[in-house]
N, C-alpha and C. Protein backbone atom coordinates (compact mmCIF):
# COMPACT_ATOMS: atom_id res chain seq x y z
N MET A 1 97.60 87.81 112.63
CA MET A 1 98.30 89.07 112.79
C MET A 1 99.41 88.91 113.81
N THR A 2 100.42 89.72 113.65
CA THR A 2 101.53 89.69 114.59
C THR A 2 101.70 91.07 115.21
N SER A 3 102.39 91.13 116.31
CA SER A 3 102.52 92.37 117.06
C SER A 3 103.64 93.26 116.53
N ALA A 4 103.62 94.50 117.01
CA ALA A 4 104.66 95.46 116.64
C ALA A 4 106.02 94.99 117.13
N GLU A 5 106.06 94.31 118.26
CA GLU A 5 107.33 93.80 118.78
C GLU A 5 107.93 92.78 117.82
N GLU A 6 107.09 91.92 117.26
CA GLU A 6 107.57 90.92 116.31
C GLU A 6 108.01 91.57 115.00
N ALA A 7 107.43 92.72 114.67
CA ALA A 7 107.75 93.41 113.42
C ALA A 7 109.05 94.20 113.50
N ALA A 8 109.55 94.42 114.70
CA ALA A 8 110.71 95.29 114.89
C ALA A 8 111.93 94.84 114.10
N GLY A 9 112.16 93.55 113.96
CA GLY A 9 113.35 93.06 113.28
C GLY A 9 113.17 92.86 111.78
N LEU A 10 112.00 93.18 111.25
CA LEU A 10 111.74 92.98 109.83
C LEU A 10 112.26 94.16 109.01
N HIS A 11 112.66 93.87 107.77
CA HIS A 11 113.11 94.91 106.84
C HIS A 11 111.93 95.23 105.92
N TRP A 12 111.26 96.34 106.17
CA TRP A 12 110.07 96.73 105.42
C TRP A 12 110.45 97.49 104.16
N ARG A 13 109.69 97.28 103.09
CA ARG A 13 109.91 98.02 101.85
C ARG A 13 108.57 98.37 101.21
N ARG A 14 108.61 99.39 100.39
CA ARG A 14 107.41 99.86 99.69
C ARG A 14 107.56 99.59 98.20
N SER A 15 106.45 99.45 97.55
CA SER A 15 106.45 99.23 96.12
C SER A 15 107.02 100.44 95.38
N SER A 16 107.73 100.18 94.31
CA SER A 16 108.23 101.26 93.47
C SER A 16 107.06 101.96 92.76
N TYR A 17 105.89 101.35 92.76
CA TYR A 17 104.70 101.93 92.15
C TYR A 17 103.94 102.85 93.11
N SER A 18 104.40 102.97 94.35
CA SER A 18 103.73 103.83 95.32
C SER A 18 103.78 105.27 94.86
N ASP A 19 102.75 106.01 95.15
CA ASP A 19 102.65 107.43 94.79
C ASP A 19 103.68 108.21 95.60
N SER A 20 104.67 108.76 94.94
CA SER A 20 105.73 109.47 95.64
C SER A 20 105.28 110.82 96.19
N SER A 21 104.13 111.33 95.77
CA SER A 21 103.65 112.61 96.28
C SER A 21 103.17 112.51 97.72
N ASN A 22 102.80 111.31 98.14
CA ASN A 22 102.39 111.10 99.53
C ASN A 22 102.93 109.76 99.98
N GLY A 23 104.17 109.72 100.37
CA GLY A 23 104.88 108.49 100.69
C GLY A 23 104.35 107.73 101.88
N ASN A 24 103.43 108.32 102.64
CA ASN A 24 102.89 107.62 103.80
C ASN A 24 101.64 106.81 103.50
N ASP A 25 101.10 106.90 102.30
CA ASP A 25 99.90 106.16 101.93
C ASP A 25 100.28 104.93 101.14
N CYS A 26 100.91 103.98 101.81
CA CYS A 26 101.44 102.81 101.13
C CYS A 26 101.19 101.55 101.95
N VAL A 27 101.28 100.46 101.27
CA VAL A 27 101.35 99.17 101.93
C VAL A 27 102.83 98.80 101.94
N GLU A 28 103.32 98.34 103.07
CA GLU A 28 104.71 97.92 103.17
C GLU A 28 104.76 96.41 103.33
N VAL A 29 105.82 95.81 102.80
CA VAL A 29 105.96 94.36 102.79
C VAL A 29 107.34 93.99 103.32
N ALA A 30 107.39 92.90 104.08
CA ALA A 30 108.65 92.34 104.55
C ALA A 30 108.57 90.82 104.37
N THR A 31 109.65 90.22 103.90
CA THR A 31 109.67 88.77 103.76
C THR A 31 110.60 88.18 104.81
N ALA A 32 110.08 87.23 105.54
CA ALA A 32 110.83 86.52 106.58
C ALA A 32 109.95 85.37 107.04
N PRO A 33 110.55 84.31 107.52
CA PRO A 33 109.73 83.20 108.00
C PRO A 33 108.73 83.68 109.04
N PRO A 34 107.52 83.25 108.99
CA PRO A 34 106.99 82.14 108.21
C PRO A 34 106.37 82.53 106.89
N GLY A 35 106.48 83.80 106.46
CA GLY A 35 105.86 84.17 105.20
C GLY A 35 106.11 85.60 104.83
N VAL A 36 105.11 86.22 104.22
CA VAL A 36 105.17 87.59 103.76
C VAL A 36 104.35 88.44 104.73
N HIS A 37 104.97 89.47 105.26
CA HIS A 37 104.34 90.34 106.25
C HIS A 37 103.88 91.62 105.55
N VAL A 38 102.68 92.08 105.86
CA VAL A 38 102.09 93.24 105.19
C VAL A 38 101.55 94.18 106.26
N ARG A 39 101.87 95.50 106.11
CA ARG A 39 101.35 96.47 107.07
C ARG A 39 100.99 97.78 106.36
N ASP A 40 100.24 98.60 107.06
CA ASP A 40 99.85 99.93 106.60
C ASP A 40 100.94 100.91 107.01
N SER A 41 101.52 101.62 106.06
CA SER A 41 102.62 102.53 106.38
C SER A 41 102.19 103.67 107.29
N LYS A 42 100.90 104.00 107.30
CA LYS A 42 100.43 105.07 108.17
C LYS A 42 100.37 104.63 109.63
N ARG A 43 100.36 103.32 109.87
CA ARG A 43 100.24 102.80 111.23
C ARG A 43 101.26 101.68 111.46
N PRO A 44 102.54 101.99 111.36
CA PRO A 44 103.58 100.95 111.44
C PRO A 44 103.68 100.25 112.80
N ASP A 45 103.16 100.87 113.84
CA ASP A 45 103.25 100.23 115.16
C ASP A 45 102.08 99.31 115.46
N ASP A 46 101.08 99.30 114.58
CA ASP A 46 99.95 98.39 114.76
C ASP A 46 100.32 96.99 114.30
N ALA A 47 99.46 96.06 114.57
CA ALA A 47 99.66 94.68 114.12
C ALA A 47 99.68 94.63 112.60
N HIS A 48 100.27 93.59 112.05
CA HIS A 48 100.30 93.42 110.61
C HIS A 48 99.86 92.00 110.25
N LEU A 49 99.61 91.78 108.99
CA LEU A 49 99.21 90.47 108.50
C LEU A 49 100.44 89.66 108.10
N THR A 50 100.38 88.38 108.32
CA THR A 50 101.41 87.47 107.82
C THR A 50 100.72 86.48 106.90
N LEU A 51 101.15 86.45 105.65
CA LEU A 51 100.53 85.60 104.64
C LEU A 51 101.49 84.51 104.21
N ALA A 52 100.92 83.37 103.87
CA ALA A 52 101.73 82.30 103.29
C ALA A 52 102.25 82.80 101.94
N PRO A 53 103.46 82.39 101.56
CA PRO A 53 104.00 82.83 100.27
C PRO A 53 103.05 82.54 99.09
N SER A 54 102.36 81.42 99.12
CA SER A 54 101.44 81.08 98.03
C SER A 54 100.25 82.04 97.99
N THR A 55 99.79 82.48 99.14
CA THR A 55 98.68 83.44 99.21
C THR A 55 99.13 84.79 98.66
N TRP A 56 100.32 85.23 99.04
CA TRP A 56 100.86 86.50 98.53
C TRP A 56 101.02 86.43 97.01
N SER A 57 101.52 85.34 96.51
CA SER A 57 101.70 85.16 95.07
C SER A 57 100.36 85.23 94.34
N ALA A 58 99.35 84.58 94.89
CA ALA A 58 98.02 84.62 94.29
C ALA A 58 97.46 86.04 94.29
N PHE A 59 97.68 86.78 95.38
CA PHE A 59 97.24 88.17 95.44
C PHE A 59 97.93 89.01 94.37
N LEU A 60 99.24 88.86 94.22
CA LEU A 60 99.98 89.64 93.22
C LEU A 60 99.49 89.33 91.81
N THR A 61 99.21 88.07 91.54
CA THR A 61 98.69 87.68 90.23
C THR A 61 97.34 88.35 89.98
N PHE A 62 96.47 88.34 90.99
CA PHE A 62 95.17 88.97 90.88
C PHE A 62 95.31 90.48 90.68
N ALA A 63 96.15 91.13 91.48
CA ALA A 63 96.32 92.58 91.41
C ALA A 63 96.91 93.03 90.08
N ALA A 64 97.76 92.21 89.48
CA ALA A 64 98.40 92.57 88.22
C ALA A 64 97.39 92.59 87.07
N ARG A 65 96.30 91.89 87.22
CA ARG A 65 95.26 91.87 86.18
C ARG A 65 94.51 93.19 86.10
N GLY A 66 94.48 93.93 87.23
CA GLY A 66 93.65 95.11 87.39
C GLY A 66 93.98 96.24 86.55
């Protein structure tokens, strides 16, 4: 996990599939070295996860099956 200070310079985005009726209930993603950063939109100042690109890709493949 990385700190909120490290997340300050990242460009966060939400999935186009996010429920627009409640825009705060989303997972946000930012791509920057060393990988893919993931955070809870309801708690943007908390720590976030940093995943290797291959791990993120495997997750997306798994989630798309659902």
